[in-house]
Amino acid sequence: MTSLLIATGGTIAWSERESRMINGIELAQKAGLKFDSVIDVKSQPSWDLNLSDMFDIGASVRSAIDAGHSSVVVTHGTDTMEETAWLTDLLLGPQRRRASRVIFTGAMRFADAEDSDGAENLKFAFANSERTQEADQGVQVAFAHELFAARWVRKIDAFELSAFSAYGRPSSSGPLPPAPDVLDFNVRVVTTSSTVRQPIPSDASGLVLVGTGAGHVPSSYFEEIEATCKRGLPVVISSRARDVARTYNPNSDVLWAGDLTPEKAAIAIGAALGKSRNLSHVREWWSELMSQSVR
């Protein structure tokens, strides 16, 4: 068993006194930890990461497992940690999941703050990543002495040290559909609320509509949704709230995000399209994904 730290920047790495991101080796030293290997993939705030950056981080984790690392810890900014962790989970596939523990962590306080939580979070993540006898749990987020499944974890507070929650769902998720080698970056998220009604773009390869309440969207979108489905493009209805229980419905033209946030649903559809652009194949992939849904 070998351990790897992948550092990507974020609050956990920011030194206010030095006005710079400290690197992975410095992070490990601050926490008093010894990893077998340390690499820096990114060094920036996570709010600046785009999907391509997130894919690069996930691909680095995948390559690390293929190289023999069974314990992988990723330090990351908290603003988009849940999305990068979820994308990474979708990229691994069952064999890599069985062969490793992959845990993301970060901090709510700067690296040199008196009340910095980074070192403690990193120690907790490292300790759990070393328990490789408990592999096949999927990618997880370790924060404030809690473990969360990447599929369900959400940042719920912009200040408190206990900034993440999965709303009581399990700390590990079930099996995922076949992993893609590439991601379709042209999936669009469209807000369809009472105050913001964005137009549906004509050049998207897939759509995620952010509905209200139980995934409801205004009726003014119905014709465009039907036309988009007839063009052979996947349309996912998500909710800004925690949705009702959803399963795959083969008789419905649209797909349901179920337990996924709009952002995670967009990443998942991008992964499905990375496997196949055939709508029937995408729907089969989505059916497999939703079979493990937990409200």
C-alpha atoms as a PDB file:
ATOM      1  CA  MET A   1       0.000   0.000   0.000  1.00  0.00           C
ATOM      2  CA  THR A   2       1.349   3.437  -0.948  1.00  0.00           C
ATOM      3  CA  SER A   3      -0.112   6.846  -0.131  1.00  0.00           C
ATOM      4  CA  LEU A   4      -0.346   9.941  -2.288  1.00  0.00           C
ATOM      5  CA  LEU A   5      -1.283  13.534  -1.540  1.00  0.00           C
ATOM      6  CA  ILE A   6      -2.617  15.566  -4.451  1.00  0.00           C
ATOM      7  CA  ALA A   7      -2.669  19.288  -3.625  1.00  0.00           C
ATOM      8  CA  THR A   8      -4.879  21.626  -5.660  1.00  0.00           C
ATOM      9  CA  GLY A   9      -4.870  24.866  -3.671  1.00  0.00           C
ATOM     10  CA  GLY A  10      -7.845  26.338  -1.817  1.00  0.00           C
ATOM     11  CA  THR A  11      -8.244  27.856   1.641  1.00  0.00           C
ATOM     12  CA  ILE A  12      -6.384  24.939   3.232  1.00  0.00           C
ATOM     13  CA  ALA A  13      -3.279  26.022   1.306  1.00  0.00           C
ATOM     14  CA  TRP A  14      -3.571  29.803   1.506  1.00  0.00           C
ATOM     15  CA  SER A  15      -0.996  31.632   3.626  1.00  0.00           C
ATOM     16  CA  GLU A  16      -2.323  35.072   4.473  1.00  0.00           C
ATOM     17  CA  ARG A  17       1.032  36.287   5.775  1.00  0.00           C
ATOM     18  CA  GLU A  18       2.921  35.185   2.661  1.00  0.00           C
ATOM     19  CA  SER A  19       0.087  35.863   0.181  1.00  0.00           C
ATOM     20  CA  ARG A  20       0.574  32.542  -1.586  1.00  0.00           C
ATOM     21  CA  MET A  21      -0.645  28.982  -1.793  1.00  0.00           C
ATOM     22  CA  ILE A  22       1.641  26.608   0.073  1.00  0.00           C
ATOM     23  CA  ASN A  23       2.439  23.394  -1.748  1.00  0.00           C
ATOM     24  CA  GLY A  24       1.581  19.817  -0.943  1.00  0.00           C
ATOM     25  CA  ILE A  25       4.847  19.052   0.815  1.00  0.00           C
ATOM     26  CA  GLU A  26       4.333  22.047   3.106  1.00  0.00           C
ATOM     27  CA  LEU A  27       0.737  20.982   3.799  1.00  0.00           C
ATOM     28  CA  ALA A  28       1.888  17.511   4.826  1.00  0.00           C
ATOM     29  CA  GLN A  29       4.613  18.968   7.036  1.00  0.00           C
ATOM     30  CA  LYS A  30       2.152  21.291   8.785  1.00  0.00           C
ATOM     31  CA  ALA A  31      -0.017  18.280   9.603  1.00  0.00           C
ATOM     32  CA  GLY A  32       2.962  16.147  10.654  1.00  0.00           C
ATOM     33  CA  LEU A  33       2.173  13.547   7.989  1.00  0.00           C
ATOM     34  CA  LYS A  34       4.404  11.494   5.729  1.00  0.00           C
ATOM     35  CA  PHE A  35       2.942  10.514   2.370  1.00  0.00           C
ATOM     36  CA  ASP A  36       4.849   8.203   0.062  1.00  0.00           C
ATOM     37  CA  SER A  37       4.357  10.729  -2.738  1.00  0.00           C
ATOM     38  CA  VAL A  38       3.118  14.308  -3.027  1.00  0.00           C
ATOM     39  CA  ILE A  39       2.131  16.128  -6.212  1.00  0.00           C
ATOM     40  CA  ASP A  40       0.667  19.549  -6.945  1.00  0.00           C
ATOM     41  CA  VAL A  41      -1.916  19.478  -9.729  1.00  0.00           C
ATOM     42  CA  LYS A  42      -3.447  22.926  -9.325  1.00  0.00           C
ATOM     43  CA  SER A  43      -2.748  25.835  -7.029  1.00  0.00           C
ATOM     44  CA  GLN A  44      -5.773  28.098  -7.085  1.00  0.00           C
ATOM     45  CA  PRO A  45      -9.053  28.896  -5.337  1.00  0.00           C
ATOM     46  CA  SER A  46     -11.686  26.330  -6.183  1.00  0.00           C
ATOM     47  CA  TRP A  47     -14.129  29.002  -7.319  1.00  0.00           C
ATOM     48  CA  ASP A  48     -11.809  29.502 -10.308  1.00  0.00           C
ATOM     49  CA  LEU A  49     -11.843  25.828 -11.306  1.00  0.00           C
ATOM     50  CA  ASN A  50     -13.829  24.952 -14.416  1.00  0.00           C
ATOM     51  CA  LEU A  51     -14.957  21.506 -15.546  1.00  0.00           C
ATOM     52  CA  SER A  52     -11.758  20.971 -17.491  1.00  0.00           C
ATOM     53  CA  ASP A  53      -9.705  21.675 -14.359  1.00  0.00           C
ATOM     54  CA  MET A  54     -11.894  19.325 -12.336  1.00  0.00           C
ATOM     55  CA  PHE A  55     -11.475  16.633 -14.969  1.00  0.00           C
ATOM     56  CA  ASP A  56      -7.681  17.052 -14.773  1.00  0.00           C
ATOM     57  CA  ILE A  57      -7.799  16.530 -11.001  1.00  0.00           C
ATOM     58  CA  GLY A  58      -9.994  13.445 -11.383  1.00  0.00           C
ATOM     59  CA  ALA A  59      -7.743  12.082 -14.107  1.00  0.00           C
ATOM     60  CA  SER A  60      -4.738  12.566 -11.802  1.00  0.00           C
ATOM     61  CA  VAL A  61      -6.467  10.458  -9.156  1.00  0.00           C
ATOM     62  CA  ARG A  62      -7.278   7.789 -11.722  1.00  0.00           C
ATOM     63  CA  SER A  63      -3.670   7.715 -12.943  1.00  0.00           C
ATOM     64  CA  ALA A  64      -2.389   7.519  -9.367  1.00  0.00           C
ATOM     65  CA  ILE A  65      -4.484   4.422  -8.658  1.00  0.00           C
ATOM     66  CA  ASP A  66      -3.319   2.850 -11.912  1.00  0.00           C
ATOM     67  CA  ALA A  67       0.263   3.529 -10.776  1.00  0.00           C
ATOM     68  CA  GLY A  68      -0.337   1.551  -7.581  1.00  0.00           C
ATOM     69  CA  HIS A  69      -1.405   4.152  -5.020  1.00  0.00           C
ATOM     70  CA  SER A  70      -4.182   2.665  -2.909  1.00  0.00           C
ATOM     71  CA  SER A  71      -4.446   5.616  -0.512  1.00  0.00           C
ATOM     72  CA  VAL A  72      -5.130   8.953  -2.214  1.00  0.00           C
ATOM     73  CA  VAL A  73      -5.912  12.220  -0.443  1.00  0.00           C
ATOM     74  CA  VAL A  74      -6.824  15.350  -2.399  1.00  0.00           C
ATOM     75  CA  THR A  75      -6.725  18.799  -0.794  1.00  0.00           C
ATOM     76  CA  HIS A  76      -9.156  21.163  -2.470  1.00  0.00           C
ATOM     77  CA  GLY A  77     -11.002  24.435  -1.960  1.00  0.00           C
ATOM     78  CA  THR A  78     -14.400  23.997  -0.359  1.00  0.00           C
ATOM     79  CA  ASP A  79     -16.505  25.989  -2.839  1.00  0.00           C
ATOM     80  CA  THR A  80     -16.430  23.325  -5.556  1.00  0.00           C
ATOM     81  CA  MET A  81     -15.001  20.342  -3.688  1.00  0.00           C
ATOM     82  CA  GLU A  82     -18.255  18.400  -3.917  1.00  0.00           C
ATOM     83  CA  GLU A  83     -18.348  18.701  -7.707  1.00  0.00           C
ATOM     84  CA  THR A  84     -14.717  17.665  -8.251  1.00  0.00           C
ATOM     85  CA  ALA A  85     -15.104  14.750  -5.842  1.00  0.00           C
ATOM     86  CA  TRP A  86     -18.241  13.586  -7.657  1.00  0.00           C
ATOM     87  CA  LEU A  87     -16.614  13.884 -11.080  1.00  0.00           C
ATOM     88  CA  THR A  88     -13.637  11.907  -9.772  1.00  0.00           C
ATOM     89  CA  ASP A  89     -15.969   9.191  -8.490  1.00  0.00           C
ATOM     90  CA  LEU A  90     -17.604   8.886 -11.908  1.00  0.00           C
ATOM     91  CA  LEU A  91     -14.189   8.553 -13.580  1.00  0.00           C
ATOM     92  CA  LEU A  92     -12.828   5.723 -11.424  1.00  0.00           C
ATOM     93  CA  GLY A  93     -14.849   2.687 -12.428  1.00  0.00           C
ATOM     94  CA  PRO A  94     -15.402  -0.413 -10.253  1.00  0.00           C
ATOM     95  CA  GLN A  95     -11.884  -1.854 -10.410  1.00  0.00           C
ATOM     96  CA  ARG A  96     -10.203   1.355  -9.204  1.00  0.00           C
ATOM     97  CA  ARG A  97     -12.884   1.792  -6.546  1.00  0.00           C
ATOM     98  CA  ARG A  98     -12.133  -1.683  -5.199  1.00  0.00           C
ATOM     99  CA  ALA A  99      -8.394  -1.005  -5.208  1.00  0.00           C
ATOM    100  CA  SER A 100      -8.315   2.287  -3.318  1.00  0.00           C
ATOM    101  CA  ARG A 101      -9.557   4.829  -0.817  1.00  0.00           C
ATOM    102  CA  VAL A 102      -9.903   8.310  -2.316  1.00  0.00           C
ATOM    103  CA  ILE A 103     -10.690  11.141   0.092  1.00  0.00           C
ATOM    104  CA  PHE A 104     -10.994  14.876  -0.527  1.00  0.00           C
ATOM    105  CA  THR A 105     -10.534  17.425   2.225  1.00  0.00           C
ATOM    106  CA  GLY A 106      -9.982  21.133   2.716  1.00  0.00           C
ATOM    107  CA  ALA A 107     -10.386  23.881   5.283  1.00  0.00           C
ATOM    108  CA  MET A 108     -12.565  26.808   6.270  1.00  0.00           C
ATOM    109  CA  ARG A 109      -9.640  28.780   7.715  1.00  0.00           C
ATOM    110  CA  PHE A 110      -6.347  29.824   6.150  1.00  0.00           C
ATOM    111  CA  ALA A 111      -3.250  27.681   6.620  1.00  0.00           C
ATOM    112  CA  ASP A 112      -1.625  30.221   8.964  1.00  0.00           C
ATOM    113  CA  ALA A 113      -4.749  31.227  10.902  1.00  0.00           C
ATOM    114  CA  GLU A 114      -4.717  30.658  14.661  1.00  0.00           C
ATOM    115  CA  ASP A 115      -7.872  28.565  14.367  1.00  0.00           C
ATOM    116  CA  SER A 116      -6.871  26.833  11.135  1.00  0.00           C
ATOM    117  CA  ASP A 117      -8.715  23.546  10.657  1.00  0.00           C
ATOM    118  CA  GLY A 118      -6.675  22.363   7.692  1.00  0.00           C
ATOM    119  CA  ALA A 119      -4.116  20.213   9.490  1.00  0.00           C
ATOM    120  CA  GLU A 120      -6.791  18.432  11.536  1.00  0.00           C
ATOM    121  CA  ASN A 121      -8.914  17.753   8.458  1.00  0.00           C
ATOM    122  CA  LEU A 122      -5.887  16.474   6.559  1.00  0.00           C
ATOM    123  CA  LYS A 123      -4.934  14.124   9.417  1.00  0.00           C
ATOM    124  CA  PHE A 124      -8.486  12.771   9.521  1.00  0.00           C
ATOM    125  CA  ALA A 125      -8.546  12.258   5.757  1.00  0.00           C
ATOM    126  CA  PHE A 126      -5.157  10.544   5.763  1.00  0.00           C
ATOM    127  CA  ALA A 127      -6.101   8.197   8.624  1.00  0.00           C
ATOM    128  CA  ASN A 128      -9.227   7.070   6.792  1.00  0.00           C
ATOM    129  CA  SER A 129      -7.470   6.746   3.440  1.00  0.00           C
ATOM    130  CA  GLU A 130      -4.991   4.339   5.039  1.00  0.00           C
ATOM    131  CA  ARG A 131      -7.832   1.954   5.902  1.00  0.00           C
ATOM    132  CA  THR A 132      -7.632   0.332   2.506  1.00  0.00           C
ATOM    133  CA  GLN A 133      -9.204  -2.846   3.844  1.00  0.00           C
ATOM    134  CA  GLU A 134     -12.398  -0.784   3.672  1.00  0.00           C
ATOM    135  CA  ALA A 135     -11.996   0.069  -0.020  1.00  0.00           C
ATOM    136  CA  ASP A 136     -14.820   0.142  -2.579  1.00  0.00           C
ATOM    137  CA  GLN A 137     -16.612   3.007  -0.840  1.00  0.00           C
ATOM    138  CA  GLY A 138     -16.302   5.451  -3.700  1.00  0.00           C
ATOM    139  CA  VAL A 139     -14.809   8.907  -3.401  1.00  0.00           C
ATOM    140  CA  GLN A 140     -15.475  10.574  -0.056  1.00  0.00           C
ATOM    141  CA  VAL A 141     -15.091  13.989   1.540  1.00  0.00           C
ATOM    142  CA  ALA A 142     -13.552  14.183   5.016  1.00  0.00           C
ATOM    143  CA  PHE A 143     -14.391  17.291   7.001  1.00  0.00           C
ATOM    144  CA  ALA A 144     -14.666  18.171  10.682  1.00  0.00           C
ATOM    145  CA  HIS A 145     -14.262  14.512  11.681  1.00  0.00           C
ATOM    146  CA  GLU A 146     -17.063  13.339   9.402  1.00  0.00           C
ATOM    147  CA  LEU A 147     -16.991  11.302   6.199  1.00  0.00           C
ATOM    148  CA  PHE A 148     -19.421  11.983   3.363  1.00  0.00           C
ATOM    149  CA  ALA A 149     -20.040  10.236   0.051  1.00  0.00           C
ATOM    150  CA  ALA A 150     -19.137  12.444  -2.907  1.00  0.00           C
ATOM    151  CA  ARG A 151     -22.528  11.733  -4.451  1.00  0.00           C
ATOM    152  CA  TRP A 152     -24.454  13.362  -1.618  1.00  0.00           C
ATOM    153  CA  VAL A 153     -22.148  15.802   0.140  1.00  0.00           C
ATOM    154  CA  ARG A 154     -23.010  19.503  -0.034  1.00  0.00           C
ATOM    155  CA  LYS A 155     -21.419  22.629   1.344  1.00  0.00           C
ATOM    156  CA  ILE A 156     -24.090  24.123   3.561  1.00  0.00           C
ATOM    157  CA  ASP A 157     -22.226  26.857   5.416  1.00  0.00           C
ATOM    158  CA  ALA A 158     -19.730  29.467   4.270  1.00  0.00           C
ATOM    159  CA  PHE A 159     -18.237  30.085   7.719  1.00  0.00           C
ATOM    160  CA  GLU A 160     -18.685  27.287  10.239  1.00  0.00           C
ATOM    161  CA  LEU A 161     -15.984  24.621  10.497  1.00  0.00           C
ATOM    162  CA  SER A 162     -18.644  21.928  10.044  1.00  0.00           C
ATOM    163  CA  ALA A 163     -19.379  23.228   6.568  1.00  0.00           C
ATOM    164  CA  PHE A 164     -20.588  20.049   4.867  1.00  0.00           C
ATOM    165  CA  SER A 165     -23.530  17.698   5.153  1.00  0.00           C
ATOM    166  CA  ALA A 166     -25.099  14.790   3.304  1.00  0.00           C
ATOM    167  CA  TYR A 167     -28.397  15.136   5.172  1.00  0.00           C
ATOM    168  CA  GLY A 168     -28.091  11.799   6.937  1.00  0.00           C
ATOM    169  CA  ARG A 169     -27.284   9.728   3.871  1.00  0.00           C
ATOM    170  CA  PRO A 170     -24.630   6.964   4.060  1.00  0.00           C
ATOM    171  CA  SER A 171     -20.935   7.909   4.075  1.00  0.00           C
ATOM    172  CA  SER A 172     -20.301   5.715   1.031  1.00  0.00           C
ATOM    173  CA  SER A 173     -22.320   5.299  -2.133  1.00  0.00           C
ATOM    174  CA  GLY A 174     -23.224   2.264  -4.176  1.00  0.00           C
ATOM    175  CA  PRO A 175     -21.844   1.177  -7.545  1.00  0.00           C
ATOM    176  CA  LEU A 176     -21.839   3.615 -10.433  1.00  0.00           C
ATOM    177  CA  PRO A 177     -22.392   3.172 -14.190  1.00  0.00           C
ATOM    178  CA  PRO A 178     -19.429   2.459 -16.498  1.00  0.00           C
ATOM    179  CA  ALA A 179     -16.753   5.129 -16.195  1.00  0.00           C
ATOM    180  CA  PRO A 180     -16.048   7.394 -19.168  1.00  0.00           C
ATOM    181  CA  ASP A 181     -12.596   8.194 -20.499  1.00  0.00           C
ATOM    182  CA  VAL A 182     -13.740  11.665 -21.519  1.00  0.00           C
ATOM    183  CA  LEU A 183     -16.351  14.170 -20.408  1.00  0.00           C
ATOM    184  CA  ASP A 184     -18.731  16.166 -22.578  1.00  0.00           C
ATOM    185  CA  PHE A 185     -18.153  19.775 -21.533  1.00  0.00           C
ATOM    186  CA  ASN A 186     -21.106  21.146 -23.484  1.00  0.00           C
ATOM    187  CA  VAL A 187     -23.896  20.258 -21.044  1.00  0.00           C
ATOM    188  CA  ARG A 188     -25.773  23.387 -19.998  1.00  0.00           C
ATOM    189  CA  VAL A 189     -27.593  24.170 -16.754  1.00  0.00           C
ATOM    190  CA  VAL A 190     -30.698  26.327 -17.225  1.00  0.00           C
ATOM    191  CA  THR A 191     -32.495  28.089 -14.359  1.00  0.00           C
ATOM    192  CA  THR A 192     -36.294  28.012 -14.728  1.00  0.00           C
ATOM    193  CA  SER A 193     -37.575  29.760 -11.621  1.00  0.00           C
ATOM    194  CA  SER A 194     -40.259  32.395 -11.163  1.00  0.00           C
ATOM    195  CA  THR A 195     -37.643  35.159 -11.109  1.00  0.00           C
ATOM    196  CA  VAL A 196     -35.064  33.830 -13.584  1.00  0.00           C
ATOM    197  CA  ARG A 197     -36.162  32.048 -16.761  1.00  0.00           C
ATOM    198  CA  GLN A 198     -33.116  31.468 -18.896  1.00  0.00           C
ATOM    199  CA  PRO A 199     -33.531  30.522 -22.557  1.00  0.00           C
ATOM    200  CA  ILE A 200     -32.720  26.985 -23.617  1.00  0.00           C
ATOM    201  CA  PRO A 201     -29.518  27.102 -25.708  1.00  0.00           C
ATOM    202  CA  SER A 202     -29.642  25.550 -29.160  1.00  0.00           C
ATOM    203  CA  ASP A 203     -26.008  24.403 -29.204  1.00  0.00           C
ATOM    204  CA  ALA A 204     -25.953  22.285 -26.027  1.00  0.00           C
ATOM    205  CA  SER A 205     -25.302  18.543 -26.151  1.00  0.00           C
ATOM    206  CA  GLY A 206     -27.403  17.992 -23.021  1.00  0.00           C
ATOM    207  CA  LEU A 207     -29.534  20.037 -20.638  1.00  0.00           C
ATOM    208  CA  VAL A 208     -30.136  20.176 -16.905  1.00  0.00           C
ATOM    209  CA  LEU A 209     -33.132  22.312 -15.984  1.00  0.00           C
ATOM    210  CA  VAL A 210     -33.184  23.668 -12.440  1.00  0.00           C
ATOM    211  CA  GLY A 211     -36.795  23.436 -11.385  1.00  0.00           C
ATOM    212  CA  THR A 212     -38.596  24.562  -8.266  1.00  0.00           C
ATOM    213  CA  GLY A 213     -39.950  22.428  -5.464  1.00  0.00           C
ATOM    214  CA  ALA A 214     -40.396  18.857  -6.639  1.00  0.00           C
ATOM    215  CA  GLY A 215     -38.585  19.480  -9.905  1.00  0.00           C
ATOM    216  CA  HIS A 216     -41.395  21.548 -11.400  1.00  0.00           C
ATOM    217  CA  VAL A 217     -40.564  23.781 -14.382  1.00  0.00           C
ATOM    218  CA  PRO A 218     -42.793  26.529 -15.814  1.00  0.00           C
ATOM    219  CA  SER A 219     -45.163  25.351 -18.541  1.00  0.00           C
ATOM    220  CA  SER A 220     -43.628  27.875 -20.936  1.00  0.00           C
ATOM    221  CA  TYR A 221     -40.697  25.442 -21.272  1.00  0.00           C
ATOM    222  CA  PHE A 222     -42.764  22.375 -22.170  1.00  0.00           C
ATOM    223  CA  GLU A 223     -42.644  22.738 -25.972  1.00  0.00           C
ATOM    224  CA  GLU A 224     -38.896  23.400 -25.997  1.00  0.00           C
ATOM    225  CA  ILE A 225     -38.266  20.420 -23.710  1.00  0.00           C
ATOM    226  CA  GLU A 226     -40.270  18.177 -26.030  1.00  0.00           C
ATOM    227  CA  ALA A 227     -38.452  19.514 -29.099  1.00  0.00           C
ATOM    228  CA  THR A 228     -35.047  19.004 -27.434  1.00  0.00           C
ATOM    229  CA  CYS A 229     -35.906  15.405 -26.556  1.00  0.00           C
ATOM    230  CA  LYS A 230     -37.024  14.762 -30.140  1.00  0.00           C
ATOM    231  CA  ARG A 231     -33.633  15.988 -31.335  1.00  0.00           C
ATOM    232  CA  GLY A 232     -32.107  13.098 -29.376  1.00  0.00           C
ATOM    233  CA  LEU A 233     -30.587  15.185 -26.588  1.00  0.00           C
ATOM    234  CA  PRO A 234     -30.860  14.240 -22.909  1.00  0.00           C
ATOM    235  CA  VAL A 235     -32.886  16.594 -20.725  1.00  0.00           C
ATOM    236  CA  VAL A 236     -32.618  16.263 -16.943  1.00  0.00           C
ATOM    237  CA  ILE A 237     -35.057  17.912 -14.547  1.00  0.00           C
ATOM    238  CA  SER A 238     -33.444  18.812 -11.236  1.00  0.00           C
ATOM    239  CA  SER A 239     -34.652  20.720  -8.203  1.00  0.00           C
ATOM    240  CA  ARG A 240     -33.170  23.547  -6.201  1.00  0.00           C
ATOM    241  CA  ALA A 241     -34.610  21.734  -3.177  1.00  0.00           C
ATOM    242  CA  ARG A 242     -34.062  18.215  -1.908  1.00  0.00           C
ATOM    243  CA  ASP A 243     -36.290  16.390  -4.360  1.00  0.00           C
ATOM    244  CA  VAL A 244     -38.835  13.663  -3.770  1.00  0.00           C
ATOM    245  CA  ALA A 245     -37.697  10.070  -4.293  1.00  0.00           C
ATOM    246  CA  ARG A 246     -37.038   9.415  -7.977  1.00  0.00           C
ATOM    247  CA  THR A 247     -36.435   6.315 -10.045  1.00  0.00           C
ATOM    248  CA  TYR A 248     -35.807   5.945 -13.747  1.00  0.00           C
ATOM    249  CA  ASN A 249     -39.040   6.021 -15.756  1.00  0.00           C
ATOM    250  CA  PRO A 250     -38.630   4.479 -19.224  1.00  0.00           C
ATOM    251  CA  ASN A 251     -41.940   6.040 -20.315  1.00  0.00           C
ATOM    252  CA  SER A 252     -40.802   9.598 -19.601  1.00  0.00           C
ATOM    253  CA  ASP A 253     -39.020  11.702 -22.211  1.00  0.00           C
ATOM    254  CA  VAL A 254     -37.082  13.554 -19.525  1.00  0.00           C
ATOM    255  CA  LEU A 255     -34.660  12.195 -16.948  1.00  0.00           C
ATOM    256  CA  TRP A 256     -34.804  13.096 -13.275  1.00  0.00           C
ATOM    257  CA  ALA A 257     -31.824  14.232 -11.218  1.00  0.00           C
ATOM    258  CA  GLY A 258     -33.239  12.562  -8.110  1.00  0.00           C
ATOM    259  CA  ASP A 259     -30.678  12.784  -5.316  1.00  0.00           C
ATOM    260  CA  LEU A 260     -28.232  14.857  -7.382  1.00  0.00           C
ATOM    261  CA  THR A 261     -27.839  18.615  -7.206  1.00  0.00           C
ATOM    262  CA  PRO A 262     -28.183  20.430 -10.560  1.00  0.00           C
ATOM    263  CA  GLU A 263     -24.408  20.771 -10.773  1.00  0.00           C
ATOM    264  CA  LYS A 264     -23.808  17.088 -10.078  1.00  0.00           C
ATOM    265  CA  ALA A 265     -26.534  16.116 -12.535  1.00  0.00           C
ATOM    266  CA  ALA A 266     -24.767  18.161 -15.222  1.00  0.00           C
ATOM    267  CA  ILE A 267     -21.476  16.407 -14.472  1.00  0.00           C
ATOM    268  CA  ALA A 268     -23.223  13.026 -14.602  1.00  0.00           C
ATOM    269  CA  ILE A 269     -24.862  13.725 -17.968  1.00  0.00           C
ATOM    270  CA  GLY A 270     -21.473  14.889 -19.250  1.00  0.00           C
ATOM    271  CA  ALA A 271     -20.044  11.561 -18.118  1.00  0.00           C
ATOM    272  CA  ALA A 272     -22.889   9.618 -19.750  1.00  0.00           C
ATOM    273  CA  LEU A 273     -22.318  11.477 -23.026  1.00  0.00           C
ATOM    274  CA  GLY A 274     -18.606  10.738 -22.663  1.00  0.00           C
ATOM    275  CA  LYS A 275     -19.514   7.050 -22.883  1.00  0.00           C
ATOM    276  CA  SER A 276     -22.023   7.365 -25.732  1.00  0.00           C
ATOM    277  CA  ARG A 277     -23.923  10.080 -27.559  1.00  0.00           C
ATOM    278  CA  ASN A 278     -26.719   7.654 -28.361  1.00  0.00           C
ATOM    279  CA  LEU A 279     -29.756   8.750 -26.335  1.00  0.00           C
ATOM    280  CA  SER A 280     -30.914   5.202 -25.614  1.00  0.00           C
ATOM    281  CA  HIS A 281     -27.450   4.382 -24.240  1.00  0.00           C
ATOM    282  CA  VAL A 282     -27.496   7.568 -22.146  1.00  0.00           C
ATOM    283  CA  ARG A 283     -30.884   6.608 -20.739  1.00  0.00           C
ATOM    284  CA  GLU A 284     -29.599   3.120 -19.842  1.00  0.00           C
ATOM    285  CA  TRP A 285     -26.579   4.705 -18.135  1.00  0.00           C
ATOM    286  CA  TRP A 286     -28.882   7.055 -16.222  1.00  0.00           C
ATOM    287  CA  SER A 287     -31.119   4.177 -15.186  1.00  0.00           C
ATOM    288  CA  GLU A 288     -28.112   2.462 -13.640  1.00  0.00           C
ATOM    289  CA  LEU A 289     -27.104   5.680 -11.873  1.00  0.00           C
ATOM    290  CA  MET A 290     -30.582   6.222 -10.431  1.00  0.00           C
ATOM    291  CA  SER A 291     -30.814   2.628  -9.202  1.00  0.00           C
ATOM    292  CA  GLN A 292     -28.516   3.711  -6.343  1.00  0.00           C
ATOM    293  CA  SER A 293     -30.402   6.917  -5.568  1.00  0.00           C
ATOM    294  CA  VAL A 294     -30.996   7.679  -1.877  1.00  0.00           C
ATOM    295  CA  ARG A 295     -33.362  10.474  -1.012  1.00  0.00           C
END
